[in-house]
Amino acid sequence: MCVRCDRFTETPVLVAEVHAGSGPGFNVYACADCAPHIRRPPDALDLLATGRPDRPPGDEPVR
C-alpha cells in the first residue's frame, strides 16, 4: 500500500526504513508514481552520529 496515495500496488518501492527501539522496525512503501515525491527521512543511525542539534550551547550532559 502506498504511504502517499493509499492505493495498493503490485510494484511497491521502498521509500523508508523505520527503526524501533524495542522490537522490529518496519519498511515504508510507495507506488511507482508517488515514490519520486516522497522525501526520505534521515536515517536514525546518521542522526546519532551528528549529536543533538536542538540542544542549546552549554547544555551538555554532566559526565
N, C-alpha and C. Protein backbone atom coordinates (compact mmCIF):
# COMPACT_ATOMS: atom_id res chain seq x y z
N MET A 1 0.85 -1.18 0.00
CA MET A 1 0.00 0.00 0.00
C MET A 1 0.89 1.24 0.00
N CYS A 2 0.55 2.20 -0.79
CA CYS A 2 1.34 3.43 -0.92
C CYS A 2 1.11 4.35 0.27
N VAL A 3 2.20 4.83 0.85
CA VAL A 3 2.12 5.72 2.00
C VAL A 3 1.56 7.09 1.63
N ARG A 4 1.62 7.45 0.36
CA ARG A 4 1.17 8.79 -0.06
C ARG A 4 -0.28 8.80 -0.56
N CYS A 5 -0.62 7.87 -1.45
CA CYS A 5 -1.97 7.90 -2.05
C CYS A 5 -2.89 6.81 -1.51
N ASP A 6 -2.38 5.93 -0.66
CA ASP A 6 -3.16 4.85 -0.03
C ASP A 6 -3.71 3.82 -1.02
N ARG A 7 -3.13 3.75 -2.22
CA ARG A 7 -3.56 2.74 -3.18
C ARG A 7 -2.69 1.49 -3.04
N PHE A 8 -3.27 0.34 -3.37
CA PHE A 8 -2.49 -0.89 -3.40
C PHE A 8 -1.73 -0.95 -4.72
N THR A 9 -0.52 -1.51 -4.69
CA THR A 9 0.31 -1.61 -5.88
C THR A 9 0.98 -2.97 -5.93
N GLU A 10 1.19 -3.46 -7.13
CA GLU A 10 1.89 -4.73 -7.31
C GLU A 10 3.39 -4.51 -7.43
N THR A 11 3.81 -3.25 -7.54
CA THR A 11 5.24 -2.94 -7.66
C THR A 11 5.62 -1.87 -6.62
N PRO A 12 5.61 -2.23 -5.34
CA PRO A 12 5.94 -1.24 -4.31
C PRO A 12 7.40 -0.83 -4.36
N VAL A 13 7.66 0.42 -4.00
CA VAL A 13 9.01 0.96 -3.95
C VAL A 13 9.32 1.29 -2.50
N LEU A 14 10.41 0.76 -1.98
CA LEU A 14 10.81 1.04 -0.61
C LEU A 14 11.26 2.50 -0.51
N VAL A 15 10.61 3.29 0.36
CA VAL A 15 10.97 4.70 0.49
C VAL A 15 11.54 5.05 1.86
N ALA A 16 11.40 4.16 2.85
CA ALA A 16 11.96 4.44 4.18
C ALA A 16 12.02 3.16 5.00
N GLU A 17 12.98 3.12 5.91
CA GLU A 17 13.08 2.05 6.89
C GLU A 17 12.96 2.70 8.26
N VAL A 18 11.98 2.30 9.03
CA VAL A 18 11.75 2.89 10.35
C VAL A 18 12.36 1.97 11.39
N HIS A 19 13.30 2.51 12.17
CA HIS A 19 13.95 1.74 13.22
C HIS A 19 13.13 1.85 14.49
N ALA A 20 13.12 0.78 15.27
CA ALA A 20 12.37 0.78 16.52
C ALA A 20 13.31 0.48 17.68
N GLY A 21 13.10 1.13 18.79
CA GLY A 21 13.94 0.92 19.97
C GLY A 21 13.68 -0.41 20.64
N SER A 22 12.46 -0.88 20.57
CA SER A 22 12.14 -2.17 21.17
C SER A 22 11.33 -2.98 20.17
N GLY A 23 11.90 -4.04 19.69
CA GLY A 23 11.22 -4.86 18.70
C GLY A 23 11.65 -4.49 17.29
N PRO A 24 11.08 -5.19 16.33
CA PRO A 24 11.47 -4.95 14.94
C PRO A 24 10.93 -3.62 14.41
N GLY A 25 11.65 -3.05 13.47
CA GLY A 25 11.18 -1.85 12.79
C GLY A 25 10.28 -2.27 11.64
N PHE A 26 10.07 -1.36 10.70
CA PHE A 26 9.23 -1.70 9.55
C PHE A 26 9.65 -0.88 8.35
N ASN A 27 9.24 -1.34 7.18
CA ASN A 27 9.53 -0.65 5.93
C ASN A 27 8.31 0.16 5.50
N VAL A 28 8.57 1.27 4.81
CA VAL A 28 7.50 2.12 4.28
C VAL A 28 7.61 2.09 2.76
N TYR A 29 6.48 1.83 2.11
CA TYR A 29 6.46 1.69 0.66
C TYR A 29 5.57 2.74 0.00
N ALA A 30 5.86 3.00 -1.27
CA ALA A 30 5.04 3.89 -2.09
C ALA A 30 4.87 3.25 -3.46
N CYS A 31 3.88 3.70 -4.20
CA CYS A 31 3.72 3.22 -5.58
C CYS A 31 4.77 3.92 -6.45
N ALA A 32 4.97 3.41 -7.64
CA ALA A 32 6.00 3.97 -8.53
C ALA A 32 5.71 5.43 -8.90
N ASP A 33 4.45 5.81 -8.98
CA ASP A 33 4.11 7.20 -9.32
C ASP A 33 4.42 8.16 -8.17
N CYS A 34 4.19 7.73 -6.94
CA CYS A 34 4.38 8.60 -5.77
C CYS A 34 5.81 8.58 -5.23
N ALA A 35 6.54 7.51 -5.46
CA ALA A 35 7.87 7.35 -4.86
C ALA A 35 8.81 8.54 -5.10
N PRO A 36 8.87 9.12 -6.30
CA PRO A 36 9.77 10.26 -6.50
C PRO A 36 9.40 11.49 -5.68
N HIS A 37 8.16 11.56 -5.20
CA HIS A 37 7.70 12.72 -4.44
C HIS A 37 7.87 12.56 -2.93
N ILE A 38 8.29 11.39 -2.49
CA ILE A 38 8.46 11.13 -1.06
C ILE A 38 9.85 11.59 -0.65
N ARG A 39 9.90 12.47 0.34
CA ARG A 39 11.19 12.92 0.86
C ARG A 39 11.68 11.89 1.87
N ARG A 40 12.87 11.39 1.67
CA ARG A 40 13.40 10.37 2.57
C ARG A 40 13.80 10.98 3.90
N PRO A 41 13.32 10.39 4.99
CA PRO A 41 13.72 10.89 6.31
C PRO A 41 15.17 10.52 6.58
N PRO A 42 15.84 11.25 7.45
CA PRO A 42 17.21 10.89 7.77
C PRO A 42 17.25 9.55 8.50
N ASP A 43 18.31 8.81 8.29
CA ASP A 43 18.49 7.53 8.96
C ASP A 43 18.78 7.76 10.44
N ALA A 44 18.19 6.97 11.30
CA ALA A 44 18.37 7.15 12.75
C ALA A 44 19.84 7.04 13.16
N LEU A 45 20.58 6.15 12.52
CA LEU A 45 21.99 5.99 12.87
C LEU A 45 22.80 7.21 12.46
N ASP A 46 22.43 7.86 11.37
CA ASP A 46 23.11 9.09 10.97
C ASP A 46 22.83 10.21 11.98
N LEU A 47 21.61 10.26 12.50
CA LEU A 47 21.27 11.28 13.49
C LEU A 47 22.08 11.08 14.77
N LEU A 48 22.29 9.84 15.17
CA LEU A 48 23.09 9.57 16.36
C LEU A 48 24.52 10.05 16.19
N ALA A 49 25.05 9.92 14.99
CA ALA A 49 26.44 10.31 14.72
C ALA A 49 26.62 11.83 14.77
N THR A 50 25.57 12.58 14.47
CA THR A 50 25.70 14.04 14.43
C THR A 50 25.41 14.70 15.77
N GLY A 51 24.92 13.97 16.73
CA GLY A 51 24.61 14.55 18.03
C GLY A 51 23.22 15.14 18.05
N ARG A 52 22.97 16.02 19.01
CA ARG A 52 21.66 16.64 19.17
C ARG A 52 21.73 18.10 18.77
N PRO A 53 21.36 18.45 17.55
CA PRO A 53 21.46 19.85 17.12
C PRO A 53 20.48 20.77 17.83
N ASP A 54 19.44 20.23 18.46
CA ASP A 54 18.46 21.09 19.11
C ASP A 54 18.86 21.47 20.54
N ARG A 55 19.98 20.94 21.02
CA ARG A 55 20.43 21.26 22.38
C ARG A 55 21.15 22.61 22.36
N PRO A 56 20.78 23.53 23.23
CA PRO A 56 21.44 24.84 23.25
C PRO A 56 22.89 24.73 23.72
N PRO A 57 23.77 25.64 23.28
CA PRO A 57 25.16 25.61 23.72
C PRO A 57 25.25 25.71 25.25
N GLY A 58 26.16 24.96 25.83
CA GLY A 58 26.33 24.97 27.28
C GLY A 58 25.42 24.00 28.01
N ASP A 59 24.53 23.35 27.30
CA ASP A 59 23.60 22.40 27.92
C ASP A 59 24.07 20.97 27.68
N GLU A 60 25.34 20.75 27.91
CA GLU A 60 25.92 19.43 27.70
C GLU A 60 25.66 18.54 28.91
N PRO A 61 25.55 17.23 28.69
CA PRO A 61 25.32 16.34 29.82
C PRO A 61 26.52 16.31 30.77
N VAL A 62 26.26 16.10 32.04
CA VAL A 62 27.32 16.01 33.05
C VAL A 62 27.92 14.62 32.96
N ARG A 63 29.24 14.56 32.96
CA ARG A 63 29.92 13.25 32.87
C ARG A 63 30.57 12.90 34.16
